[in-house]
Amino acid sequence: MTALQKTGTARQQPLLYWPLLLIAAATPLTFAPYYQFWLMPVLFAALIRLIERRPEHAVRSAYLFGLVAYTAQFYWIHTALHDVSGLPNLYAIPLTLLLPAFLALYPAACFWLWEKFTLPRVLHIGVVLPLLWTLTEFARERLLTGFGWGALGYSQITDASPLAGLAPLGGIHLVTLATACLGAWLALAAKRTISMRQRACIAAAAILLLLAGYTARHTEFTRPDGSSASVALAQGNIEQTLKWNEDQITPTIQHYYDQVAATHADIVILPETAIPVMRQRLPEGLINQFADQARRNGSALAIGIAQFTDDGSGYENAVINLADYHPEASHIPYYAKNHLVPFGEYKPLPMLTEPLYQLMNMPLADFKRGGKGQAPFQMANQKVAFNICYEDGFGDELIASAKQSSLLANASNMAWYGTSNAMFQHLQQSQARALELGRYMVRATNTGATAIINPQGYIVSEAAPDTSMVLEGRIEGYSGETPYMKLGSSWPLIILLASLTAALYLWGKRKR
């Protein structure tokens, strides 16, 4: 190659980054609220084909893809830091980019490992790459408390996607694997040099995968237990910047009391930290007023509220059960959040992060964990397994309580993220949990997305976001276990995938 040709090649190479940036920036369209599930395999295939054109820059390209994709998906971090918490942009902008910069290491690690395999192209792309992508997505959900938002599988949790049916079989990571397979097979089929026979085999495999998902989506792994109940989910729409103001506390409490008084549903749920006062510091008799009003209406009431730990050394993000409350009782049944949000609910490296909290309007930023395997609430004729906000993104951690329950409930406060897509992305995770665990999921949130989701993952009813209302509906109690629940976690699937990946690596090495 002449010097002129080399110069021309060097000038052309950067142009490949533009389509890479475009496909990464398009990834939010595949998730809620847009639900363009079909687009994710196409984008994943495009990523593979671009990297094939520049294999020497595979890791760099994968990192750039992850950086742009996760920044586009999680832009609402800036909303929480700057618009709501009041952190100056001098700090808010780099901190917004910090999480995507870290998360992008996982796709980069996937392609770095992928380069180590020496296999025929069909196996290298069509089998190894989906396996590695799923394994690194699993690691992303686990390491350093984990952050699984934006996993490929969540793009398929929508009414029209057949692949959503795989969730009750193996959890969200099985759906991620299937989505990555479709994308990789599409990339294989797009190669001009591939034979018609190979294309036919790829098409047959894709059809079989879609049929398996469709069949599973229409299979009932759990069953109604014969009970039903009416539910009322309060959406207070209390602005986060005002919520903790001293002069806002009384109007907030009155607002939620009025919402409780206005419904006669069997089960009434208020959102996360609905009452902006520590439970032990509430005026005497206030809890009893809420409980009495609910009892007069024939309702079992659960309220999201922060409270001091039993030993008084810290505080918890909790939901209290007032279904059988008595003023003289020494203990109120409660669920305390266990999987906390780093930087939001506890302070990693406090020596370094404490100065930032001084600049933000972020109270209660260091909660204590509630513990694993907390018992469901008995509310009316249902056993209700609660989780709070961020915990809804970790299906494995909800299995133990779900096995004891007939109904799932999530209490959230997404007002931290304004009118962004965060509330809808979170709703999509709740849809995944309903599918995985084979039960109705009810969501009570401050600003949205308050919803009732059936065991097939379909949204039965949803409150208009950013409005004050009480969403009412009816649910059925469910019993039994999905195959995913019987596995107990994602670990059996992950161990199987890791073993298959290792076997392919050794086989390719031996063959070489």
Protein backbone atom coordinates (compact mmCIF):
# COMPACT_ATOMS: atom_id res chain seq x y z
CA MET A 1 0.00 0.00 0.00
CA THR A 2 1.33 3.41 -0.91
CA ALA A 3 1.66 6.29 1.54
CA LEU A 4 -1.23 8.07 -0.23
CA GLN A 5 -3.46 5.00 0.12
CA LYS A 6 -2.59 4.73 3.81
CA THR A 7 -3.48 8.39 4.31
CA GLY A 8 -6.79 7.91 2.51
CA THR A 9 -7.61 4.89 4.68
CA ALA A 10 -6.78 6.80 7.85
CA ARG A 11 -9.09 9.63 6.77
CA GLN A 12 -11.95 7.24 6.05
CA GLN A 13 -11.73 5.28 9.29
CA PRO A 14 -13.13 7.97 11.63
CA LEU A 15 -16.24 8.16 9.44
CA LEU A 16 -17.24 4.73 10.78
CA TYR A 17 -17.69 6.25 14.21
CA TRP A 18 -20.67 8.31 13.04
CA PRO A 19 -22.94 5.31 12.35
CA LEU A 20 -21.69 3.82 15.62
CA LEU A 21 -22.77 6.96 17.49
CA LEU A 22 -26.13 6.98 15.70
CA ILE A 23 -27.03 3.38 16.54
CA ALA A 24 -25.98 3.93 20.17
CA ALA A 25 -28.06 7.11 20.40
CA ALA A 26 -31.07 5.20 19.00
CA THR A 27 -31.10 2.55 21.75
CA PRO A 28 -33.54 4.48 24.03
CA LEU A 29 -36.21 4.00 21.35
CA THR A 30 -36.20 0.25 22.06
CA PHE A 31 -37.24 0.73 25.71
CA ALA A 32 -40.30 2.27 27.38
CA PRO A 33 -42.09 4.53 26.69
CA TYR A 34 -41.40 3.92 22.99
CA TYR A 35 -41.39 0.08 23.06
CA GLN A 36 -39.77 -0.34 19.62
CA PHE A 37 -38.59 -3.82 20.63
CA TRP A 38 -37.86 -4.97 17.07
CA LEU A 39 -35.19 -2.28 16.74
CA MET A 40 -32.85 -3.68 19.40
CA PRO A 41 -31.73 -6.79 17.42
CA VAL A 42 -31.24 -4.55 14.39
CA LEU A 43 -29.04 -2.11 16.33
CA PHE A 44 -27.07 -4.95 17.88
CA ALA A 45 -26.52 -6.45 14.43
CA ALA A 46 -25.37 -3.06 13.13
CA LEU A 47 -22.89 -2.79 16.01
CA ILE A 48 -21.44 -6.20 15.14
CA ARG A 49 -21.13 -5.38 11.43
CA LEU A 50 -19.39 -2.08 12.17
CA ILE A 51 -16.93 -3.77 14.51
CA GLU A 52 -16.30 -6.46 11.89
CA ARG A 53 -15.19 -3.72 9.52
CA ARG A 54 -12.65 -2.48 12.07
CA PRO A 55 -11.77 -5.48 14.21
CA GLU A 56 -8.57 -3.84 15.41
CA HIS A 57 -10.70 -1.23 17.20
CA ALA A 58 -13.33 -3.63 18.54
CA VAL A 59 -12.84 -2.81 22.23
CA ARG A 60 -12.64 0.94 21.63
CA SER A 61 -15.76 0.87 19.45
CA ALA A 62 -17.70 -1.18 22.01
CA TYR A 63 -16.75 1.24 24.77
CA LEU A 64 -17.84 4.23 22.69
CA PHE A 65 -21.11 2.48 21.86
CA GLY A 66 -21.76 1.82 25.56
CA LEU A 67 -20.83 5.34 26.60
CA VAL A 68 -23.23 6.97 24.13
CA ALA A 69 -26.02 4.41 24.58
CA TYR A 70 -26.05 4.59 28.38
CA THR A 71 -25.76 8.38 28.37
CA ALA A 72 -28.77 8.58 26.03
CA GLN A 73 -30.75 6.11 28.13
CA PHE A 74 -29.91 7.56 31.55
CA TYR A 75 -29.82 11.28 30.79
CA TRP A 76 -32.24 11.69 33.69
CA ILE A 77 -29.37 11.38 36.17
CA HIS A 78 -28.69 15.03 35.39
CA THR A 79 -32.33 15.84 36.19
CA ALA A 80 -31.93 14.32 39.66
CA LEU A 81 -28.58 15.93 40.37
CA HIS A 82 -29.12 19.40 38.95
CA ASP A 83 -32.83 20.16 38.54
CA VAL A 84 -34.07 18.46 41.71
CA SER A 85 -31.09 18.24 44.07
CA GLY A 86 -29.67 21.62 43.07
CA LEU A 87 -26.12 20.46 42.33
CA PRO A 88 -24.33 23.02 40.11
CA ASN A 89 -23.66 21.92 36.53
CA LEU A 90 -19.95 22.15 37.25
CA TYR A 91 -20.42 18.93 39.22
CA ALA A 92 -23.72 17.61 37.84
CA ILE A 93 -22.58 17.17 34.21
CA PRO A 94 -19.41 15.15 34.92
CA LEU A 95 -21.24 13.09 37.55
CA THR A 96 -24.00 12.37 35.01
CA LEU A 97 -21.36 11.01 32.63
CA LEU A 98 -19.60 9.04 35.34
CA LEU A 99 -22.12 6.16 35.46
CA PRO A 100 -22.25 5.65 31.64
CA ALA A 101 -18.45 5.84 31.55
CA PHE A 102 -18.31 3.01 34.08
CA LEU A 103 -21.10 0.93 32.53
CA ALA A 104 -19.47 1.14 29.10
CA LEU A 105 -16.63 -0.99 30.47
CA TYR A 106 -18.93 -4.03 30.26
CA PRO A 107 -19.55 -4.05 26.48
CA ALA A 108 -15.86 -3.25 26.06
CA ALA A 109 -15.00 -6.28 28.24
CA CYS A 110 -17.39 -8.40 26.16
CA PHE A 111 -15.58 -7.62 22.91
CA TRP A 112 -12.17 -7.86 24.55
CA LEU A 113 -12.99 -11.42 25.59
CA TRP A 114 -14.56 -12.11 22.20
CA GLU A 115 -11.24 -11.37 20.49
CA LYS A 116 -9.64 -14.22 22.44
CA PHE A 117 -11.74 -16.87 20.69
CA THR A 118 -10.55 -18.57 17.49
CA LEU A 119 -13.62 -20.16 15.96
CA PRO A 120 -15.42 -20.21 12.60
CA ARG A 121 -17.40 -17.02 12.00
CA VAL A 122 -20.79 -18.67 12.52
CA LEU A 123 -19.82 -19.85 16.00
CA HIS A 124 -17.75 -16.79 16.82
CA ILE A 125 -20.56 -14.34 16.12
CA GLY A 126 -23.69 -16.48 16.33
CA VAL A 127 -22.91 -18.27 19.60
CA VAL A 128 -19.92 -16.87 21.47
CA LEU A 129 -20.83 -13.18 21.21
CA PRO A 130 -24.40 -13.59 22.59
CA LEU A 131 -23.00 -15.74 25.41
CA LEU A 132 -20.36 -13.19 26.35
CA TRP A 133 -22.78 -10.28 26.10
CA THR A 134 -25.20 -12.00 28.47
CA LEU A 135 -22.44 -12.86 30.94
CA THR A 136 -21.15 -9.29 31.02
CA GLU A 137 -24.70 -7.93 31.38
CA PHE A 138 -25.12 -10.25 34.36
CA ALA A 139 -21.88 -8.92 35.84
CA ARG A 140 -23.12 -5.36 35.29
CA GLU A 141 -26.22 -6.19 37.34
CA ARG A 142 -24.14 -7.60 40.20
CA LEU A 143 -20.81 -5.84 40.70
CA LEU A 144 -20.65 -2.82 43.03
CA THR A 145 -24.35 -3.25 43.99
CA GLY A 146 -25.23 -3.54 40.31
CA PHE A 147 -27.11 -1.49 37.74
CA GLY A 148 -29.07 -3.63 35.30
CA TRP A 149 -31.09 -0.86 33.62
CA GLY A 150 -30.68 -0.88 29.85
CA ALA A 151 -30.03 -4.62 29.52
CA LEU A 152 -30.97 -5.89 26.05
CA GLY A 153 -33.66 -8.13 27.52
CA TYR A 154 -35.71 -5.25 28.92
CA SER A 155 -36.28 -3.95 25.38
CA GLN A 156 -38.39 -7.06 24.75
CA ILE A 157 -40.67 -6.64 27.78
CA THR A 158 -43.63 -5.33 25.87
CA ASP A 159 -46.96 -6.69 24.70
CA ALA A 160 -45.92 -7.44 21.13
CA SER A 161 -42.53 -9.13 21.63
CA PRO A 162 -42.55 -12.96 21.64
CA LEU A 163 -39.21 -13.00 23.48
CA ALA A 164 -40.88 -11.59 26.61
CA GLY A 165 -42.32 -15.08 27.11
CA LEU A 166 -38.85 -16.38 28.00
CA ALA A 167 -38.75 -14.32 31.22
CA PRO A 168 -40.67 -16.85 33.36
CA LEU A 169 -38.41 -19.61 32.03
CA GLY A 170 -35.02 -18.14 32.97
CA GLY A 171 -35.44 -14.52 34.00
CA ILE A 172 -34.40 -11.35 32.24
CA HIS A 173 -30.95 -12.71 31.37
CA LEU A 174 -32.48 -15.45 29.24
CA VAL A 175 -34.39 -12.73 27.37
CA THR A 176 -31.11 -10.81 26.96
CA LEU A 177 -29.45 -13.93 25.54
CA ALA A 178 -32.28 -14.45 23.05
CA THR A 179 -32.20 -10.78 21.97
CA ALA A 180 -28.42 -10.90 21.48
CA CYS A 181 -28.79 -14.13 19.48
CA LEU A 182 -31.30 -12.54 17.11
CA GLY A 183 -29.02 -9.56 16.59
CA ALA A 184 -25.95 -11.73 16.04
CA TRP A 185 -27.79 -14.02 13.61
CA LEU A 186 -29.03 -10.99 11.70
CA ALA A 187 -25.43 -9.80 11.41
CA LEU A 188 -24.41 -13.23 10.10
CA ALA A 189 -27.20 -13.26 7.52
CA ALA A 190 -26.27 -9.76 6.33
CA LYS A 191 -22.83 -10.93 5.15
CA ARG A 192 -22.81 -11.15 1.35
CA THR A 193 -20.51 -14.17 1.26
CA ILE A 194 -22.80 -16.37 3.33
CA SER A 195 -24.48 -19.23 1.47
CA MET A 196 -28.22 -19.64 1.00
CA ARG A 197 -28.11 -22.83 3.06
CA GLN A 198 -26.54 -20.97 5.97
CA ARG A 199 -29.12 -18.19 5.67
CA ALA A 200 -31.89 -20.78 5.74
CA CYS A 201 -30.43 -22.35 8.90
CA ILE A 202 -30.17 -18.94 10.57
CA ALA A 203 -33.76 -18.09 9.60
CA ALA A 204 -34.97 -21.44 10.96
CA ALA A 205 -33.14 -20.89 14.26
CA ALA A 206 -34.63 -17.39 14.61
CA ILE A 207 -38.15 -18.68 13.91
CA LEU A 208 -37.77 -21.47 16.45
CA LEU A 209 -36.54 -18.99 19.07
CA LEU A 210 -39.49 -16.67 18.43
CA LEU A 211 -41.94 -19.58 18.53
CA ALA A 212 -40.49 -20.75 21.84
CA GLY A 213 -41.01 -17.29 23.29
CA TYR A 214 -44.52 -17.02 21.87
CA THR A 215 -45.49 -20.42 23.29
CA ALA A 216 -44.08 -19.59 26.71
CA ARG A 217 -45.89 -16.22 26.70
CA HIS A 218 -49.19 -18.07 26.33
CA THR A 219 -48.42 -20.72 28.95
CA GLU A 220 -49.67 -20.26 32.52
CA PHE A 221 -46.90 -21.35 34.87
CA THR A 222 -48.76 -20.04 37.91
CA ARG A 223 -52.50 -20.15 38.58
CA PRO A 224 -55.19 -18.06 40.26
CA ASP A 225 -55.74 -19.17 43.85
CA GLY A 226 -59.45 -18.29 43.77
CA SER A 227 -59.11 -14.98 45.62
CA SER A 228 -59.51 -11.48 44.29
CA ALA A 229 -59.34 -7.99 45.74
CA SER A 230 -59.85 -4.38 44.74
CA VAL A 231 -56.76 -2.20 45.00
CA ALA A 232 -56.26 1.56 45.21
CA LEU A 233 -52.85 3.01 44.41
CA ALA A 234 -52.31 6.59 45.55
CA GLN A 235 -50.33 8.94 43.33
CA GLY A 236 -49.81 12.16 45.28
CA ASN A 237 -47.77 14.08 42.68
CA ILE A 238 -45.82 15.92 45.38
CA GLU A 239 -43.01 17.94 43.80
CA GLN A 240 -39.65 16.62 44.99
CA THR A 241 -38.12 20.07 45.46
CA LEU A 242 -40.93 20.91 47.92
CA LYS A 243 -41.49 17.52 49.52
CA TRP A 244 -39.15 17.93 52.47
CA ASN A 245 -39.89 21.61 53.12
CA GLU A 246 -41.24 22.20 56.60
CA ASP A 247 -44.27 24.15 55.34
CA GLN A 248 -45.15 21.37 52.87
CA ILE A 249 -45.37 18.53 55.42
CA THR A 250 -48.89 19.21 56.73
CA PRO A 251 -50.44 19.72 53.26
CA THR A 252 -48.74 16.52 52.04
CA ILE A 253 -50.06 14.45 54.94
CA GLN A 254 -53.54 15.92 54.50
CA HIS A 255 -53.44 15.22 50.77
CA TYR A 256 -52.65 11.54 51.27
CA TYR A 257 -55.20 11.27 54.07
CA ASP A 258 -57.86 12.61 51.71
CA GLN A 259 -56.84 10.06 49.09
CA VAL A 260 -57.14 7.24 51.64
CA ALA A 261 -60.54 8.53 52.76
CA ALA A 262 -61.82 8.70 49.18
CA THR A 263 -61.48 4.99 48.39
CA HIS A 264 -63.19 1.84 49.67
CA ALA A 265 -60.79 -0.58 47.99
CA ASP A 266 -59.77 -3.73 49.84
CA ILE A 267 -56.08 -2.81 49.61
CA VAL A 268 -54.76 0.76 49.59
CA ILE A 269 -51.07 1.54 49.02
CA LEU A 270 -49.28 4.87 49.36
CA PRO A 271 -45.95 5.42 47.56
CA GLU A 272 -42.39 5.42 48.83
CA THR A 273 -41.77 8.02 51.59
CA ALA A 274 -45.30 9.35 51.02
CA ILE A 275 -45.21 10.82 54.53
CA PRO A 276 -42.12 13.11 54.61
CA VAL A 277 -41.49 12.72 58.35
CA MET A 278 -39.70 9.99 60.29
CA ARG A 279 -42.36 7.63 61.60
CA GLN A 280 -41.23 8.01 65.23
CA ARG A 281 -41.47 11.81 64.93
CA LEU A 282 -45.03 11.96 63.66
CA PRO A 283 -47.56 13.76 65.88
CA GLU A 284 -49.12 11.38 68.37
CA GLY A 285 -52.22 9.69 67.01
CA LEU A 286 -51.58 10.49 63.33
CA ILE A 287 -50.85 6.88 62.36
CA ASN A 288 -54.02 5.87 64.17
CA GLN A 289 -56.04 8.43 62.19
CA PHE A 290 -54.88 6.89 58.90
CA ALA A 291 -55.54 3.36 60.20
CA ASP A 292 -58.98 4.27 61.53
CA GLN A 293 -60.03 5.94 58.28
CA ALA A 294 -58.91 2.94 56.26
CA ARG A 295 -60.68 0.57 58.66
CA ARG A 296 -63.95 2.52 58.41
CA ASN A 297 -63.72 2.20 54.63
CA GLY A 298 -63.03 -1.54 54.82
CA SER A 299 -59.47 -1.08 53.54
CA ALA A 300 -56.11 -2.57 54.47
CA LEU A 301 -53.57 0.27 54.26
CA ALA A 302 -49.81 0.32 53.58
CA ILE A 303 -47.83 3.58 53.75
CA GLY A 304 -44.35 4.40 52.52
CA ILE A 305 -42.42 6.25 55.25
CA ALA A 306 -38.88 6.57 56.57
CA GLN A 307 -38.25 5.36 60.12
CA PHE A 308 -35.48 5.00 62.65
CA THR A 309 -34.02 1.52 63.09
CA ASP A 310 -35.03 -0.39 66.21
CA ASP A 311 -31.78 0.50 67.94
CA GLY A 312 -32.03 4.16 66.87
CA SER A 313 -28.59 4.11 65.22
CA GLY A 314 -29.83 4.78 61.68
CA TYR A 315 -32.92 4.94 59.52
CA GLU A 316 -34.71 2.81 56.98
CA ASN A 317 -36.73 3.37 53.83
CA ALA A 318 -39.85 1.43 54.79
CA VAL A 319 -43.45 0.54 54.01
CA ILE A 320 -45.60 0.00 57.11
CA ASN A 321 -48.64 -2.27 57.24
CA LEU A 322 -51.61 -0.75 59.07
CA ALA A 323 -54.06 -3.53 58.18
CA ASP A 324 -54.37 -4.68 61.82
CA TYR A 325 -52.98 -1.61 63.54
CA HIS A 326 -53.82 -0.91 67.19
CA PRO A 327 -52.57 2.19 69.03
CA GLU A 328 -51.34 0.11 71.97
CA ALA A 329 -49.34 -2.26 69.75
CA SER A 330 -45.61 -2.16 70.45
CA HIS A 331 -44.64 -3.08 66.90
CA ILE A 332 -45.93 -2.10 63.44
CA PRO A 333 -45.25 -4.69 60.72
CA TYR A 334 -43.03 -3.17 58.07
CA TYR A 335 -40.89 -3.89 55.04
CA ALA A 336 -37.54 -2.06 54.93
CA LYS A 337 -35.70 -1.61 51.65
CA ASN A 338 -32.67 -3.87 51.37
CA HIS A 339 -31.06 -3.09 48.00
CA LEU A 340 -30.07 0.54 48.35
CA VAL A 341 -29.14 3.04 45.63
CA PRO A 342 -25.46 4.04 45.80
CA PHE A 343 -25.04 7.83 46.16
CA GLY A 344 -28.83 8.16 46.54
CA GLU A 345 -29.55 6.09 49.65
CA TYR A 346 -26.12 5.39 51.01
CA LYS A 347 -22.80 7.15 50.67
CA PRO A 348 -19.93 5.19 49.13
CA LEU A 349 -16.54 6.58 50.17
CA PRO A 350 -18.08 9.17 52.52
CA MET A 351 -14.77 11.02 52.92
CA LEU A 352 -14.92 11.87 49.20
CA THR A 353 -18.67 12.17 48.62
CA GLU A 354 -19.80 14.02 51.74
CA PRO A 355 -18.83 17.48 50.35
CA LEU A 356 -21.14 16.87 47.35
CA TYR A 357 -24.09 16.11 49.62
CA GLN A 358 -23.56 19.45 51.30
CA LEU A 359 -24.29 21.08 47.93
CA MET A 360 -27.47 19.08 47.27
CA ASN A 361 -30.99 19.16 48.64
CA MET A 362 -30.92 15.40 49.34
CA PRO A 363 -32.12 14.42 52.82
CA LEU A 364 -31.90 10.87 54.22
CA ALA A 365 -28.96 9.93 52.01
CA ASP A 366 -27.61 7.10 54.19
CA PHE A 367 -30.22 4.40 54.88
CA LYS A 368 -29.64 1.03 56.54
CA ARG A 369 -30.49 -2.23 54.78
CA GLY A 370 -33.64 -4.03 55.83
CA GLY A 371 -32.35 -7.58 55.26
CA LYS A 372 -33.13 -10.35 52.78
CA GLY A 373 -36.21 -12.57 52.72
CA GLN A 374 -38.61 -10.28 54.57
CA ALA A 375 -42.09 -11.78 55.00
CA PRO A 376 -45.03 -10.57 52.88
CA PHE A 377 -47.81 -8.47 54.43
CA GLN A 378 -51.24 -9.92 55.10
CA MET A 379 -53.57 -7.34 53.55
CA ALA A 380 -57.25 -8.21 53.15
CA ASN A 381 -57.23 -11.68 51.56
CA GLN A 382 -53.80 -11.30 49.93
CA LYS A 383 -50.23 -11.94 50.97
CA VAL A 384 -48.41 -8.96 49.51
CA ALA A 385 -44.65 -9.09 48.82
CA PHE A 386 -43.35 -5.52 48.79
CA ASN A 387 -40.26 -4.03 47.25
CA ILE A 388 -39.27 -0.39 47.12
CA CYS A 389 -38.28 1.53 43.99
CA TYR A 390 -34.79 0.45 42.79
CA GLU A 391 -35.26 -3.09 44.11
CA ASP A 392 -37.67 -3.82 41.28
CA GLY A 393 -34.66 -4.09 38.98
CA PHE A 394 -33.34 -7.24 40.67
CA GLY A 395 -35.59 -10.21 40.04
CA ASP A 396 -33.38 -12.73 41.83
CA GLU A 397 -33.79 -10.83 45.09
CA LEU A 398 -37.60 -10.96 44.93
CA ILE A 399 -38.01 -14.71 44.45
CA ALA A 400 -37.96 -15.75 48.11
CA SER A 401 -40.73 -13.34 49.12
CA ALA A 402 -42.72 -13.99 45.93
CA LYS A 403 -42.90 -17.71 46.74
CA GLN A 404 -44.77 -16.83 49.95
CA SER A 405 -47.04 -14.24 48.31
CA SER A 406 -50.15 -14.01 46.16
CA LEU A 407 -49.53 -10.40 45.03
CA LEU A 408 -46.45 -8.25 44.33
CA ALA A 409 -46.28 -4.54 45.16
CA ASN A 410 -43.76 -1.82 44.41
CA ALA A 411 -43.75 1.56 46.18
CA SER A 412 -41.68 4.20 44.39
CA ASN A 413 -40.92 7.89 44.22
CA MET A 414 -39.66 8.77 40.75
CA ALA A 415 -40.12 12.51 41.29
CA TRP A 416 -36.32 12.72 41.56
CA TYR A 417 -36.24 12.34 37.75
CA GLY A 418 -38.90 14.87 36.79
CA THR A 419 -40.91 14.12 33.66
CA SER A 420 -38.11 12.03 32.10
CA ASN A 421 -38.29 8.48 30.75
CA ALA A 422 -36.97 7.06 34.04
CA MET A 423 -40.48 6.33 35.36
CA PHE A 424 -41.41 4.39 32.22
CA GLN A 425 -38.15 2.43 32.14
CA HIS A 426 -38.87 1.50 35.74
CA LEU A 427 -42.41 0.43 34.81
CA GLN A 428 -40.93 -1.87 32.17
CA GLN A 429 -38.83 -3.54 34.86
CA SER A 430 -41.99 -4.13 36.90
CA GLN A 431 -43.51 -5.81 33.84
CA ALA A 432 -40.47 -8.10 33.72
CA ARG A 433 -40.88 -8.99 37.41
CA ALA A 434 -44.58 -9.82 36.94
CA LEU A 435 -43.63 -12.17 34.09
CA GLU A 436 -40.74 -13.77 35.96
CA LEU A 437 -42.71 -14.34 39.16
CA GLY A 438 -46.14 -15.12 37.69
CA ARG A 439 -48.16 -12.72 39.82
CA TYR A 440 -49.97 -9.42 39.57
CA MET A 441 -47.68 -6.46 40.25
CA VAL A 442 -49.21 -3.23 41.58
CA ARG A 443 -47.16 -0.03 41.62
CA ALA A 444 -47.91 2.99 43.82
CA THR A 445 -45.71 5.94 42.88
CA ASN A 446 -45.55 9.62 43.69
CA THR A 447 -45.55 10.96 40.12
CA GLY A 448 -45.68 7.84 37.90
CA ALA A 449 -45.78 5.31 36.56
CA THR A 450 -48.53 4.04 38.88
CA ALA A 451 -49.96 0.88 37.33
CA ILE A 452 -51.52 -2.56 37.66
CA ILE A 453 -49.70 -5.30 35.73
CA ASN A 454 -51.02 -8.83 35.24
CA PRO A 455 -48.92 -12.05 35.48
CA GLN A 456 -48.37 -12.05 31.70
CA GLY A 457 -46.65 -8.67 31.96
CA TYR A 458 -49.47 -6.69 30.37
CA ILE A 459 -50.37 -3.28 31.83
CA VAL A 460 -54.02 -3.61 32.89
CA SER A 461 -54.39 0.04 33.91
CA GLU A 462 -52.07 3.00 34.41
CA ALA A 463 -52.45 6.43 35.99
CA ALA A 464 -51.64 9.50 33.95
CA PRO A 465 -48.12 10.60 34.96
CA ASP A 466 -47.52 13.83 36.88
CA THR A 467 -51.10 14.04 38.12
CA SER A 468 -52.66 13.58 41.54
CA MET A 469 -55.06 10.64 41.49
CA VAL A 470 -55.93 7.26 42.97
CA LEU A 471 -55.73 4.39 40.49
CA GLU A 472 -58.29 1.71 41.31
CA GLY A 473 -58.62 -1.75 39.85
CA ARG A 474 -59.03 -5.41 40.63
CA ILE A 475 -56.44 -8.15 40.94
CA GLU A 476 -56.50 -11.92 41.39
CA GLY A 477 -54.31 -13.72 43.88
CA TYR A 478 -51.88 -16.19 42.30
CA SER A 479 -50.00 -19.22 43.58
CA GLY A 480 -47.42 -21.61 42.18
CA GLU A 481 -43.93 -21.08 40.78
CA THR A 482 -42.55 -20.27 37.36
CA PRO A 483 -39.54 -22.28 36.12
CA TYR A 484 -37.38 -19.24 36.94
CA MET A 485 -38.64 -19.27 40.52
CA LYS A 486 -37.92 -23.00 40.79
CA LEU A 487 -34.34 -22.35 39.67
CA GLY A 488 -34.09 -19.95 42.63
CA SER A 489 -32.00 -17.31 40.82
CA SER A 490 -30.21 -16.57 37.55
CA TRP A 491 -27.12 -18.42 38.71
CA PRO A 492 -27.98 -21.84 37.18
CA LEU A 493 -28.44 -20.18 33.77
CA ILE A 494 -25.27 -18.13 34.14
CA ILE A 495 -23.19 -21.14 35.23
CA LEU A 496 -24.47 -23.07 32.21
CA LEU A 497 -23.64 -20.20 29.84
CA ALA A 498 -20.20 -19.70 31.40
CA SER A 499 -19.46 -23.43 31.10
CA LEU A 500 -20.51 -23.47 27.44
CA THR A 501 -18.38 -20.37 26.76
CA ALA A 502 -15.33 -21.97 28.41
CA ALA A 503 -15.86 -25.19 26.44
CA LEU A 504 -16.01 -23.28 23.16
CA TYR A 505 -12.85 -21.39 24.05
CA LEU A 506 -10.95 -24.59 24.82
CA TRP A 507 -12.30 -26.31 21.71
CA GLY A 508 -11.24 -23.41 19.50
CA LYS A 509 -7.82 -23.31 21.08
CA ARG A 510 -7.33 -27.05 20.63
CA LYS A 511 -8.55 -26.90 17.03
CA ARG A 512 -6.11 -24.10 16.22
